[in-house]
N, C-alpha and C. Protein backbone atom coordinates (compact mmCIF):
# COMPACT_ATOMS: atom_id res chain seq x y z
N MET A 1 94.16 113.14 94.13
CA MET A 1 94.93 113.40 95.09
C MET A 1 96.35 112.79 95.05
N THR A 2 96.23 111.41 94.72
CA THR A 2 97.56 110.68 94.17
C THR A 2 97.86 111.24 93.01
N LYS A 3 97.29 111.41 91.84
CA LYS A 3 97.69 111.90 91.11
C LYS A 3 98.83 113.13 90.90
N THR A 4 98.04 113.88 92.20
CA THR A 4 99.14 115.05 92.29
C THR A 4 99.95 114.69 92.97
N ILE A 5 100.45 114.18 93.79
CA ILE A 5 101.54 113.60 94.67
C ILE A 5 102.43 112.81 93.84
N LEU A 6 102.10 111.96 92.44
CA LEU A 6 103.00 111.36 91.69
C LEU A 6 103.81 112.17 90.86
N LEU A 7 102.80 113.62 90.53
CA LEU A 7 103.52 114.46 89.66
C LEU A 7 104.69 115.65 90.29
N TRP A 8 104.00 115.35 91.56
CA TRP A 8 105.12 116.03 92.80
C TRP A 8 106.49 115.09 92.50
N TYR A 9 106.22 113.87 92.59
CA TYR A 9 107.17 113.16 92.96
C TYR A 9 108.16 113.25 91.56
N LYS A 10 107.23 113.09 90.45
CA LYS A 10 108.48 113.25 89.22
C LYS A 10 109.00 114.16 89.08
N SER A 11 109.00 115.58 89.49
CA SER A 11 109.66 116.49 89.53
C SER A 11 110.71 116.28 90.81
N TYR A 12 110.64 115.85 91.82
CA TYR A 12 111.59 115.37 92.32
C TYR A 12 112.71 114.40 91.54
N ILE A 13 112.16 113.23 91.02
CA ILE A 13 113.05 112.01 90.43
C ILE A 13 113.88 113.21 89.30
N HIS A 14 113.24 113.49 88.34
CA HIS A 14 114.04 114.34 86.92
C HIS A 14 114.52 115.34 87.47
N SER A 15 114.55 115.88 88.63
CA SER A 15 114.86 117.15 88.92
C SER A 15 115.20 118.13 88.05
N ASP A 16 113.68 118.71 87.51
CA ASP A 16 113.48 119.49 86.58
C ASP A 16 112.63 120.72 86.68
N GLY A 17 112.22 120.53 88.04
CA GLY A 17 111.41 121.36 89.06
C GLY A 17 109.70 120.91 88.05
N LEU A 18 108.93 121.64 88.89
CA LEU A 18 107.44 121.29 89.13
C LEU A 18 106.88 122.66 87.92
N ARG A 19 106.57 122.14 86.89
CA ARG A 19 106.24 123.03 85.53
C ARG A 19 104.81 123.61 85.90
N SER A 20 104.54 124.94 85.57
CA SER A 20 103.44 125.31 85.66
C SER A 20 102.41 124.75 85.06
N PHE A 21 102.80 124.64 83.68
CA PHE A 21 101.79 123.72 82.98
C PHE A 21 101.22 122.49 83.39
N ASP A 22 102.20 121.69 83.96
CA ASP A 22 101.58 120.59 84.86
C ASP A 22 100.98 120.76 85.69
N VAL A 23 100.76 121.67 86.34
CA VAL A 23 100.32 121.84 87.81
C VAL A 23 98.66 122.49 86.90
N LYS A 24 98.68 123.43 85.99
CA LYS A 24 97.55 124.01 85.75
C LYS A 24 96.73 122.74 84.69
N SER A 25 97.26 121.78 83.81
CA SER A 25 96.56 120.87 83.62
C SER A 25 96.10 119.60 84.09
N ASN A 26 96.68 119.57 85.63
CA ASN A 26 96.20 118.81 86.46
C ASN A 26 94.93 119.36 87.54
N LYS A 27 95.02 120.66 87.69
CA LYS A 27 94.24 121.30 88.20
C LYS A 27 93.16 121.18 87.32
N CYS A 28 92.95 121.55 86.42
CA CYS A 28 92.13 121.47 85.25
C CYS A 28 91.44 120.13 84.68
N PHE A 29 92.32 118.98 85.24
CA PHE A 29 91.71 117.48 85.07
C PHE A 29 90.85 117.47 86.38
N LEU A 30 90.99 117.73 87.50
CA LEU A 30 90.64 117.43 88.49
C LEU A 30 89.13 118.08 88.64
N LYS A 31 88.99 119.66 88.03
CA LYS A 31 87.83 120.18 88.08
C LYS A 31 86.49 119.69 87.22
N THR A 32 87.58 119.17 86.05
CA THR A 32 86.08 118.99 84.58
C THR A 32 86.04 117.22 84.97
N ARG A 33 86.69 116.66 85.16
CA ARG A 33 86.77 114.93 85.77
C ARG A 33 85.54 114.85 86.68
N PHE A 34 86.20 115.68 87.87
CA PHE A 34 85.30 115.05 89.23
C PHE A 34 84.42 116.16 89.35
N SER A 35 84.37 116.97 88.72
CA SER A 35 83.18 117.99 89.34
C SER A 35 81.96 117.91 89.79
N TYR A 36 81.05 116.67 89.49
CA TYR A 36 80.05 116.25 90.10
C TYR A 36 80.19 115.63 91.18
N ALA A 37 81.65 114.73 91.67
CA ALA A 37 81.77 114.64 93.11
C ALA A 37 82.10 115.75 93.93
N PHE A 38 82.45 116.68 93.07
CA PHE A 38 82.82 117.83 94.37
C PHE A 38 81.88 119.09 93.96
N PRO A 39 80.74 119.06 94.53
CA PRO A 39 80.03 120.06 93.81
C PRO A 39 80.37 121.67 94.33
N LYS A 40 81.15 121.53 95.71
CA LYS A 40 81.46 122.72 96.48
C LYS A 40 83.14 122.76 95.87
N GLU A 41 83.39 123.85 96.79
CA GLU A 41 85.47 123.94 96.54
C GLU A 41 86.08 122.85 96.52
N PHE A 42 87.00 122.72 95.93
CA PHE A 42 87.87 121.50 96.19
C PHE A 42 88.44 121.67 97.47
N PRO A 43 88.68 120.95 98.28
CA PRO A 43 88.56 120.46 99.48
C PRO A 43 89.92 120.25 99.91
N TYR A 44 90.94 120.04 99.00
CA TYR A 44 92.46 119.53 98.99
C TYR A 44 93.17 120.49 98.88
N ARG A 45 94.11 121.07 99.91
CA ARG A 45 95.05 122.13 99.68
C ARG A 45 96.67 121.58 99.28
N MET A 46 97.63 122.48 99.67
CA MET A 46 98.89 122.11 99.57
C MET A 46 99.32 121.42 100.93
N ASN A 47 98.89 121.68 102.03
CA ASN A 47 99.25 121.26 103.35
C ASN A 47 98.71 119.44 102.98
N HIS A 48 97.83 119.33 102.68
CA HIS A 48 96.87 117.92 102.61
C HIS A 48 97.86 117.09 101.13
N VAL A 49 98.26 118.10 100.17
CA VAL A 49 99.35 117.11 99.51
C VAL A 49 100.85 116.69 100.28
N LEU A 50 101.33 117.86 101.04
CA LEU A 50 102.48 117.25 101.56
C LEU A 50 102.40 116.41 102.66
N GLU A 51 101.06 116.39 103.75
CA GLU A 51 100.83 115.28 104.46
C GLU A 51 100.81 114.10 103.73
N CYS A 52 99.90 113.95 102.42
CA CYS A 52 99.67 112.66 101.84
C CYS A 52 101.52 112.29 101.08
N GLU A 53 102.19 113.17 100.84
CA GLU A 53 103.55 112.51 100.58
C GLU A 53 104.52 111.79 101.85
N PHE A 54 103.82 111.85 102.61
CA PHE A 54 104.77 111.44 103.61
C PHE A 54 104.65 109.82 103.90
N TYR A 55 102.63 109.91 103.89
CA TYR A 55 102.36 108.51 103.71
C TYR A 55 102.71 107.47 102.65
N LEU A 56 102.84 107.87 101.03
CA LEU A 56 103.15 107.49 100.15
C LEU A 56 104.95 106.97 100.20
N LEU A 57 105.41 107.57 100.62
CA LEU A 57 106.85 107.62 100.87
C LEU A 57 106.88 106.61 101.89
N GLU A 58 106.10 106.29 102.78
CA GLU A 58 106.56 105.01 104.14
C GLU A 58 105.79 103.65 102.99
N LEU A 59 104.98 103.64 102.42
CA LEU A 59 104.60 102.73 101.72
C LEU A 59 105.21 102.21 100.35
N MET A 60 106.30 103.05 99.93
CA MET A 60 107.05 103.06 99.08
C MET A 60 108.52 102.65 99.79
N ASP A 61 108.54 102.57 100.71
CA ASP A 61 109.77 102.38 101.72
C ASP A 61 111.01 103.39 101.33
N CYS A 62 110.69 104.36 101.08
CA CYS A 62 111.80 105.55 100.92
C CYS A 62 112.58 105.08 99.65
N CYS A 63 111.85 104.48 98.53
CA CYS A 63 112.45 104.12 97.44
C CYS A 63 111.95 104.84 96.30
N LEU A 64 112.53 105.58 95.49
CA LEU A 64 111.78 105.79 94.25
C LEU A 64 111.92 104.98 93.01
N ILE A 65 112.31 103.84 93.29
CA ILE A 65 111.98 103.09 91.84
C ILE A 65 111.32 102.33 92.06
N VAL A 66 110.04 102.10 90.93
CA VAL A 66 109.22 101.30 91.29
C VAL A 66 108.85 100.51 89.98
N TYR A 67 108.49 99.59 90.44
CA TYR A 67 108.59 98.49 89.08
C TYR A 67 107.18 98.43 88.45
N HIS A 68 106.89 98.94 86.93
CA HIS A 68 105.88 98.45 86.59
C HIS A 68 105.19 97.86 85.56
N PRO A 69 104.17 96.81 85.10
CA PRO A 69 104.05 96.21 83.84
C PRO A 69 104.57 96.88 82.71
N TYR A 70 105.03 98.13 82.20
CA TYR A 70 105.46 98.80 80.79
C TYR A 70 106.24 98.25 80.29
N ARG A 71 107.19 98.19 81.05
CA ARG A 71 108.81 97.95 80.64
C ARG A 71 108.43 96.21 79.94
N PRO A 72 108.20 95.22 80.67
CA PRO A 72 107.99 94.08 80.61
C PRO A 72 107.29 93.54 79.26
N LEU A 73 106.10 94.35 79.27
CA LEU A 73 104.97 94.31 77.66
C LEU A 73 105.67 94.62 76.88
N LEU A 74 106.27 95.88 76.86
CA LEU A 74 107.06 96.38 75.49
C LEU A 74 108.15 94.82 74.92
N GLN A 75 109.03 94.22 75.88
CA GLN A 75 109.54 93.08 75.73
C GLN A 75 108.81 92.03 75.15
N TYR A 76 107.86 91.98 75.69
CA TYR A 76 106.96 90.69 75.14
C TYR A 76 106.18 91.03 73.82
N VAL A 77 105.92 91.90 73.51
CA VAL A 77 105.28 92.21 72.33
C VAL A 77 106.25 92.29 71.33
N GLN A 78 107.57 92.65 71.70
CA GLN A 78 108.60 92.78 70.49
C GLN A 78 108.90 91.30 70.20
N ASP A 79 109.07 90.50 71.25
CA ASP A 79 109.72 88.94 71.04
C ASP A 79 108.35 88.53 70.06
N MET A 80 106.96 88.71 70.70
CA MET A 80 106.20 88.00 69.86
C MET A 80 106.27 88.27 68.31
N GLY A 81 106.77 89.78 68.21
CA GLY A 81 106.59 90.18 66.77
C GLY A 81 105.15 90.63 66.35
N GLN A 82 104.50 91.11 67.18
CA GLN A 82 103.00 91.75 66.85
C GLN A 82 102.84 92.94 67.59
N GLU A 83 103.82 93.91 67.15
CA GLU A 83 103.86 95.30 68.18
C GLU A 83 102.55 96.40 67.49
N ASP A 84 102.54 96.49 66.48
CA ASP A 84 101.43 97.35 66.25
C ASP A 84 99.97 96.77 66.73
N MET A 85 99.94 95.72 66.52
CA MET A 85 98.64 95.40 66.49
C MET A 85 98.05 95.05 67.94
N LEU A 86 98.79 94.74 69.08
CA LEU A 86 98.80 94.03 70.25
C LEU A 86 99.05 94.99 71.46
N LEU A 87 100.14 95.73 71.12
CA LEU A 87 100.51 96.66 72.00
C LEU A 87 99.73 98.20 72.46
N PRO A 88 98.93 98.84 71.57
CA PRO A 88 98.12 99.65 72.25
C PRO A 88 97.05 98.90 72.84
N LEU A 89 96.71 97.89 72.23
CA LEU A 89 95.31 97.55 73.37
C LEU A 89 95.51 96.78 74.72
N ALA A 90 97.13 96.23 74.87
CA ALA A 90 97.30 95.89 75.44
C ALA A 90 98.01 96.99 77.02
N TRP A 91 98.58 97.51 76.26
CA TRP A 91 98.55 99.11 76.89
C TRP A 91 97.51 99.66 77.92
N ARG A 92 96.51 99.57 77.37
CA ARG A 92 95.36 100.25 77.75
C ARG A 92 94.95 99.13 79.04
N VAL A 93 94.71 97.97 78.43
CA VAL A 93 94.61 97.25 79.53
C VAL A 93 95.06 97.04 80.58
N VAL A 94 96.37 97.53 80.58
CA VAL A 94 97.42 97.90 81.79
C VAL A 94 97.21 99.08 82.78
N ASN A 95 96.33 100.26 81.77
CA ASN A 95 95.98 101.38 82.49
C ASN A 95 95.00 100.86 83.30
N ASP A 96 94.21 99.96 82.89
CA ASP A 96 92.95 99.47 83.61
C ASP A 96 93.11 98.96 84.99
N THR A 97 94.10 97.91 84.70
CA THR A 97 94.73 97.32 85.87
C THR A 97 94.71 97.99 87.32
N TYR A 98 95.08 99.19 87.09
CA TYR A 98 95.17 100.08 88.49
C TYR A 98 94.14 100.76 89.00
N ARG A 99 93.12 100.24 88.37
CA ARG A 99 91.70 100.68 88.89
C ARG A 99 91.32 99.30 89.90
N THR A 100 92.20 98.31 90.10
CA THR A 100 92.33 96.86 90.93
C THR A 100 93.43 97.40 91.73
N ASP A 101 93.45 96.03 92.88
CA ASP A 101 94.69 95.83 93.64
C ASP A 101 95.43 95.07 93.36
N LEU A 102 95.65 94.68 91.64
CA LEU A 102 96.31 93.98 91.01
C LEU A 102 97.80 94.10 91.28
N CYS A 103 98.39 95.40 91.35
CA CYS A 103 99.60 95.98 91.42
C CYS A 103 100.08 95.85 92.95
N LEU A 104 99.08 95.12 93.79
CA LEU A 104 99.71 95.12 95.10
C LEU A 104 99.85 93.35 95.24
N LEU A 105 99.07 92.78 94.37
CA LEU A 105 99.22 91.46 95.08
C LEU A 105 100.23 90.68 93.92
N TYR A 106 100.24 91.26 92.70
CA TYR A 106 100.89 90.44 91.85
C TYR A 106 102.30 90.91 91.07
N PRO A 107 103.38 90.34 90.96
CA PRO A 107 104.40 91.36 90.13
C PRO A 107 104.38 91.73 89.09
N PRO A 108 104.74 92.81 88.34
CA PRO A 108 104.55 93.56 86.99
C PRO A 108 104.51 92.45 85.64
N PHE A 109 105.52 91.46 86.19
CA PHE A 109 105.82 90.87 84.48
C PHE A 109 104.54 89.73 84.51
N MET A 110 103.88 89.83 85.56
CA MET A 110 102.50 88.16 85.70
C MET A 110 101.36 89.60 84.78
N ILE A 111 101.16 90.53 85.40
CA ILE A 111 100.13 91.62 85.01
C ILE A 111 100.25 92.17 83.48
N ALA A 112 101.76 92.22 83.09
CA ALA A 112 101.97 92.42 81.89
C ALA A 112 101.83 91.21 80.86
N LEU A 113 102.12 89.88 81.56
CA LEU A 113 101.17 88.64 80.14
C LEU A 113 99.93 88.87 80.23
N ALA A 114 99.06 89.00 81.42
CA ALA A 114 97.75 89.14 81.56
C ALA A 114 97.28 89.77 80.18
N CYS A 115 97.54 91.22 80.49
CA CYS A 115 97.20 91.99 79.95
C CYS A 115 97.38 91.53 77.98
N LEU A 116 98.37 91.15 78.33
CA LEU A 116 99.06 90.89 76.74
C LEU A 116 98.06 89.87 76.16
N HIS A 117 97.41 88.77 77.08
CA HIS A 117 96.58 87.79 76.76
C HIS A 117 95.67 87.97 76.40
N VAL A 118 95.14 88.98 77.40
CA VAL A 118 93.41 89.61 77.03
C VAL A 118 93.47 90.73 75.53
N ALA A 119 94.91 91.38 75.58
CA ALA A 119 94.89 91.72 73.83
C ALA A 119 94.59 91.02 73.24
N CYS A 120 95.26 89.49 73.00
CA CYS A 120 95.32 88.12 72.17
C CYS A 120 94.14 87.96 71.54
N VAL A 121 93.23 87.60 73.00
CA VAL A 121 92.02 87.01 72.54
C VAL A 121 91.03 88.25 72.04
N VAL A 122 91.53 89.66 72.31
CA VAL A 122 90.60 90.59 71.32
C VAL A 122 90.78 90.51 69.93
N GLN A 123 92.19 90.42 69.78
CA GLN A 123 92.47 90.48 68.35
C GLN A 123 92.30 89.32 67.42
N GLN A 124 91.75 88.37 68.45
CA GLN A 124 91.90 87.11 67.91
C GLN A 124 93.32 86.74 67.17
N LYS A 125 93.94 87.03 68.20
CA LYS A 125 95.51 86.28 67.61
C LYS A 125 95.78 85.02 68.67
N ASP A 126 96.55 83.88 67.81
CA ASP A 126 96.65 82.36 68.35
C ASP A 126 97.74 82.76 68.96
N ALA A 127 98.24 82.54 70.57
CA ALA A 127 99.49 83.18 71.14
C ALA A 127 100.00 81.55 71.64
N ARG A 128 98.92 80.46 71.59
CA ARG A 128 98.82 79.72 72.53
C ARG A 128 100.41 78.94 72.73
N GLN A 129 101.21 78.80 71.39
CA GLN A 129 102.20 78.38 71.47
C GLN A 129 103.31 79.12 72.51
N TRP A 130 103.14 80.54 72.05
CA TRP A 130 103.96 81.52 72.70
C TRP A 130 104.01 81.71 74.10
N PHE A 131 102.61 81.49 74.50
CA PHE A 131 102.36 81.44 76.13
C PHE A 131 102.89 79.87 76.82
N ALA A 132 102.68 78.72 75.75
CA ALA A 132 103.11 77.37 76.77
C ALA A 132 104.54 77.70 76.50
N GLU A 133 105.31 78.27 76.29
CA GLU A 133 107.21 78.10 76.24
C GLU A 133 107.32 78.77 77.25
N LEU A 134 106.41 79.73 77.97
CA LEU A 134 106.84 80.21 79.06
C LEU A 134 106.79 79.74 80.45
N SER A 135 108.15 79.98 81.20
CA SER A 135 108.25 79.35 82.42
C SER A 135 107.37 80.05 83.42
N VAL A 136 106.35 80.25 83.67
CA VAL A 136 105.73 80.89 84.63
C VAL A 136 104.43 80.11 85.07
N ASP A 137 103.77 80.56 86.13
CA ASP A 137 102.47 79.73 86.80
C ASP A 137 101.29 80.42 85.99
N MET A 138 100.68 79.54 84.83
CA MET A 138 99.62 80.01 84.47
C MET A 138 98.55 79.89 85.34
N GLU A 139 98.57 79.47 86.22
CA GLU A 139 97.32 79.58 87.32
C GLU A 139 97.14 81.11 87.48
N LYS A 140 98.65 81.99 88.15
CA LYS A 140 98.31 82.81 88.37
C LYS A 140 97.66 83.83 87.24
N ILE A 141 98.54 83.46 86.12
CA ILE A 141 98.24 84.27 85.11
C ILE A 141 96.67 84.59 84.95
N LEU A 142 95.87 83.10 85.00
CA LEU A 142 94.69 83.36 84.60
C LEU A 142 93.68 83.90 85.90
N GLU A 143 94.25 83.99 87.08
CA GLU A 143 93.56 84.55 88.08
C GLU A 143 93.66 86.17 88.05
N ILE A 144 94.60 86.65 86.98
CA ILE A 144 94.70 87.96 87.28
C ILE A 144 93.96 88.68 85.99
N ILE A 145 93.81 87.19 84.75
CA ILE A 145 93.01 87.74 84.02
C ILE A 145 91.42 87.69 84.45
N ARG A 146 91.07 86.85 85.25
CA ARG A 146 89.56 86.84 85.76
C ARG A 146 89.15 88.32 86.74
N VAL A 147 90.27 88.77 87.43
CA VAL A 147 90.13 89.77 88.09
C VAL A 147 89.82 90.77 86.69
N ILE A 148 90.58 90.92 85.56
CA ILE A 148 90.30 92.63 84.78
C ILE A 148 88.89 91.92 83.94
N LEU A 149 88.70 91.07 83.96
CA LEU A 149 86.98 90.92 83.39
C LEU A 149 86.19 91.04 84.22
N LYS A 150 86.48 90.95 85.43
CA LYS A 150 85.45 91.07 86.40
C LYS A 150 85.31 92.77 86.77
N LEU A 151 86.59 93.62 86.45
CA LEU A 151 86.44 94.94 86.23
C LEU A 151 85.97 95.40 85.21
N TYR A 152 85.70 94.83 83.92
CA TYR A 152 84.87 95.22 82.80
C TYR A 152 83.83 94.64 82.90
N ASP A 153 83.30 93.78 83.85
CA ASP A 153 82.19 93.61 83.95
C ASP A 153 81.19 94.34 84.56
N GLN A 154 81.99 94.68 85.82
CA GLN A 154 81.63 95.83 86.75
C GLN A 154 81.40 97.39 86.07
N TRP A 155 82.00 97.50 85.17
CA TRP A 155 81.86 98.86 84.45
C TRP A 155 80.89 99.15 83.41
N LYS A 156 79.74 97.77 83.31
CA LYS A 156 79.11 97.75 82.59
C LYS A 156 77.64 98.62 82.93
N ASN A 157 77.84 98.27 84.54
CA ASN A 157 76.75 98.99 85.23
C ASN A 157 76.94 100.24 86.49
N PHE A 158 78.44 100.61 85.74
CA PHE A 158 78.65 101.76 87.30
C PHE A 158 78.42 102.66 86.97
N ASP A 159 77.91 103.48 87.72
CA ASP A 159 77.90 105.04 87.50
C ASP A 159 78.50 106.04 88.25
N ASP A 160 79.58 106.31 87.48
CA ASP A 160 80.36 107.35 88.56
C ASP A 160 79.99 108.71 89.26
N ARG A 161 78.89 109.24 88.49
CA ARG A 161 78.00 110.18 89.33
C ARG A 161 77.30 109.75 90.49
N LYS A 162 76.83 108.67 90.65
CA LYS A 162 76.08 108.01 91.46
C LYS A 162 76.81 107.58 92.99
N GLU A 163 77.83 106.60 92.30
CA GLU A 163 78.66 105.60 93.20
C GLU A 163 79.59 106.28 94.07
N MET A 164 80.40 107.30 93.21
CA MET A 164 81.42 108.19 93.49
C MET A 164 81.12 108.95 94.52
N ALA A 165 79.97 109.27 94.43
CA ALA A 165 79.23 110.50 95.28
C ALA A 165 79.09 110.08 96.70
N ALA A 166 78.23 108.80 96.44
CA ALA A 166 78.35 108.00 97.87
C ALA A 166 79.64 107.80 98.79
N VAL A 167 80.57 107.12 97.95
CA VAL A 167 82.16 106.88 98.26
C VAL A 167 82.57 108.21 99.17
N LEU A 168 82.28 109.39 98.40
CA LEU A 168 83.23 110.37 98.94
C LEU A 168 82.69 110.76 100.02
N ASN A 169 81.26 110.62 100.57
CA ASN A 169 80.57 111.38 101.30
C ASN A 169 80.98 110.86 102.87
N LYS A 170 80.99 109.30 102.33
CA LYS A 170 81.78 108.28 103.62
C LYS A 170 83.44 108.94 104.02
N MET A 171 83.97 109.47 102.88
CA MET A 171 85.33 109.43 103.49
C MET A 171 85.28 110.88 104.40
N PRO A 172 86.28 110.83 105.34
CA PRO A 172 86.29 111.94 106.22
C PRO A 172 87.31 113.02 105.41
N LYS A 173 86.72 114.48 105.67
CA LYS A 173 86.96 115.56 105.02
C LYS A 173 88.40 116.63 105.62
N PRO A 174 88.76 116.98 105.07
CA PRO A 174 90.28 117.93 105.82
C PRO A 174 89.61 118.93 106.37
N LYS A 175 89.95 118.72 107.70
CA LYS A 175 89.55 120.45 108.63
C LYS A 175 89.79 121.91 107.27
N PRO A 176 89.37 122.80 107.14
CA PRO A 176 89.08 124.22 106.92
C PRO A 176 90.51 124.49 107.60
N PRO A 177 91.42 125.48 106.68
CA PRO A 177 92.43 126.11 107.15
C PRO A 177 92.12 127.21 107.88
N PRO A 178 93.09 127.62 109.18
CA PRO A 178 92.42 128.83 109.79
C PRO A 178 92.59 130.02 109.20
N ASN A 179 91.89 131.25 109.77
CA ASN A 179 91.37 132.01 109.37
C ASN A 179 92.78 132.96 109.38
N ARG A 180 93.87 133.16 108.48
CA ARG A 180 94.93 133.45 108.25
C ARG A 180 94.86 135.26 109.10
N VAL A 181 94.06 135.99 108.21
CA VAL A 181 93.75 137.19 108.25
C VAL A 181 93.19 137.54 109.73
N ARG A 182 92.29 136.70 110.25
CA ARG A 182 91.82 137.13 111.81
C ARG A 182 92.35 136.76 112.64
N GLU A 183 93.27 135.95 112.61
CA GLU A 183 94.34 135.39 113.31
C GLU A 183 95.59 136.76 113.63
N ARG A 184 95.71 137.33 112.42
CA ARG A 184 96.75 138.33 112.54
C ARG A 184 96.12 139.54 112.95
N ARG A 185 94.64 140.07 112.93
CA ARG A 185 94.33 141.13 113.21
C ARG A 185 94.13 140.76 114.75
N ARG A 186 93.79 139.68 115.52
CA ARG A 186 93.27 139.46 116.89
C ARG A 186 94.66 139.54 117.52
N SER A 187 96.12 138.91 116.80
CA SER A 187 97.27 139.25 117.64
C SER A 187 97.67 140.69 117.68
N ALA A 188 97.64 141.64 116.35
CA ALA A 188 97.82 143.01 116.49
C ALA A 188 97.18 143.70 117.19
N ALA A 189 95.86 143.31 117.80
CA ALA A 189 94.70 143.71 118.90
C ALA A 189 95.30 143.85 120.03
N GLU A 190 96.16 142.34 120.37
CA GLU A 190 96.85 142.20 121.57
C GLU A 190 97.87 143.01 121.50
N ASP A 191 98.38 143.19 120.76
CA ASP A 191 99.95 144.11 120.93
C ASP A 191 99.53 145.32 121.48
N THR A 192 98.58 146.01 121.10
CA THR A 192 98.13 147.61 121.43
C THR A 192 97.08 147.27 122.41
N ASP A 193 96.19 146.48 122.73
CA ASP A 193 95.29 146.87 124.04
C ASP A 193 95.19 145.36 124.88
N PRO A 194 95.78 145.51 126.12
CA PRO A 194 95.89 144.51 126.79
C PRO A 194 94.29 143.70 126.82
N ALA A 195 93.39 144.20 126.89
CA ALA A 195 92.17 143.64 126.95
C ALA A 195 92.02 142.82 126.07
N ALA A 196 92.64 142.70 124.52
CA ALA A 196 92.16 142.17 123.45
C ALA A 196 92.28 140.49 123.76
N GLY A 197 91.66 139.86 122.96
CA GLY A 197 91.69 138.68 123.20
C GLY A 197 91.03 137.83 124.62
N THR A 198 90.87 138.69 125.43
CA THR A 198 89.71 138.24 126.38
C THR A 198 88.53 138.15 126.82
N GLY A 199 88.00 138.59 125.53
CA GLY A 199 86.38 138.38 125.48
C GLY A 199 86.20 140.02 126.08
N GLN A 200 87.02 141.15 126.25
CA GLN A 200 86.62 142.12 126.88
C GLN A 200 86.09 143.21 125.98
N PRO A 201 85.51 144.25 126.19
CA PRO A 201 85.45 145.09 124.98
C PRO A 201 86.44 145.84 124.76
N PRO A 202 87.10 146.44 123.90
CA PRO A 202 88.15 147.19 123.58
C PRO A 202 88.26 148.35 124.59
N GLY A 203 89.61 148.37 125.20
CA GLY A 203 89.92 149.82 126.14
C GLY A 203 89.80 149.43 127.46
N GLU A 204 89.00 148.15 127.90
CA GLU A 204 88.56 148.15 128.95
C GLU A 204 89.09 146.75 129.46
N MET A 205 89.49 146.90 130.94
CA MET A 205 90.52 145.76 131.57
C MET A 205 89.71 144.75 132.14
N ALA A 206 90.74 143.54 131.71
CA ALA A 206 89.79 142.09 132.17
C ALA A 206 89.71 142.12 133.72
N PRO A 207 88.35 141.27 134.63
CA PRO A 207 88.46 141.52 135.28
C PRO A 207 89.42 140.34 136.26
N ILE A 208 89.86 141.08 137.25
CA ILE A 208 90.82 140.21 138.29
C ILE A 208 90.15 139.08 138.96
N PRO A 209 91.06 137.84 138.62
CA PRO A 209 90.20 136.47 139.31
C PRO A 209 89.84 136.83 140.76
N PHE A 210 89.43 136.21 141.22
CA PHE A 210 88.79 136.31 142.88
C PHE A 210 90.19 136.16 143.74
N PHE A 211 90.78 135.07 143.72
CA PHE A 211 92.15 134.59 144.23
C PHE A 211 93.02 135.88 144.61
N LEU A 212 92.92 136.57 143.39
CA LEU A 212 94.29 137.29 143.14
C LEU A 212 93.65 138.75 143.90
N ALA A 213 92.52 139.15 143.74
CA ALA A 213 91.55 140.38 144.31
C ALA A 213 91.48 140.23 145.83
N SER A 214 91.40 139.04 146.59
CA SER A 214 91.22 139.03 147.61
C SER A 214 92.72 138.99 148.44
N ARG A 215 93.88 138.62 147.69
CA ARG A 215 95.14 138.96 148.30
C ARG A 215 95.66 140.42 147.94
N ILE A 216 95.27 141.20 147.02
CA ILE A 216 95.30 142.23 146.43
C ILE A 216 95.02 143.21 148.16
N ALA A 217 93.20 142.68 148.40
CA ALA A 217 92.56 143.54 149.18
C ALA A 217 93.31 143.58 151.00
N THR A 218 94.22 142.37 150.95
CA THR A 218 94.29 141.72 152.18
C THR A 218 96.34 142.17 152.32
N THR A 219 96.71 142.64 151.27
CA THR A 219 98.06 143.25 151.51
C THR A 219 98.32 144.45 151.79
N PRO A 220 99.24 145.20 152.57
CA PRO A 220 99.34 146.37 153.11
C PRO A 220 99.95 147.13 152.11
N LEU A 221 99.55 148.58 152.05
CA LEU A 221 99.98 149.39 150.78
C LEU A 221 100.90 149.68 151.08
N HIS A 222 101.95 149.81 152.46
CA HIS A 222 103.27 150.47 153.07
C HIS A 222 103.29 149.29 153.91
N ALA A 223 105.12 149.12 154.01
CA ALA A 223 105.82 147.97 154.30
C ALA A 223 105.48 148.43 156.26
């Protein structure tokens, strides 16, 4: 759902319109990637996307300029001089951090440094001197690294098909949209037959309420 909203915002920012290819690729991704979680028809429709758009705009304080760890990560890797070796892995670690709440708790440059540190350890790159020269709170960097390592540790025993189905079952489901065809038929019937929409058979008038019937009975026919 959020992926669809972000794709929608992308068309706003770049003013290039929403390409049909993007819509189709997003739809295919949802149907293939999460088919196990939605055994029936995908419950979300365009009206839910538009409603979610307002919530996301409120969280962003109506500002479409969002800072992320990717740009500082590029600068750090270039400064370190190990772009070919560290950048691909560090970039994937940044992608994984969006499965946590780190982006809500720490600034982007700290997340970028933590991901770069993880990449250095995995690639066995000695960057202790480079990190020591930084003017940054290393305790916070270590806190971010612990969250990342905890995420990878949970992934070892995490089964998407079992866990996500249980989570989605607890979430409130959107109400089904009204049947437009049925409403139009009912409206057309009301225009042609006064008894339509009152629960009476076609061609028959609805019964007069009791208080009106008594008033009609006591009203003289002639003045």
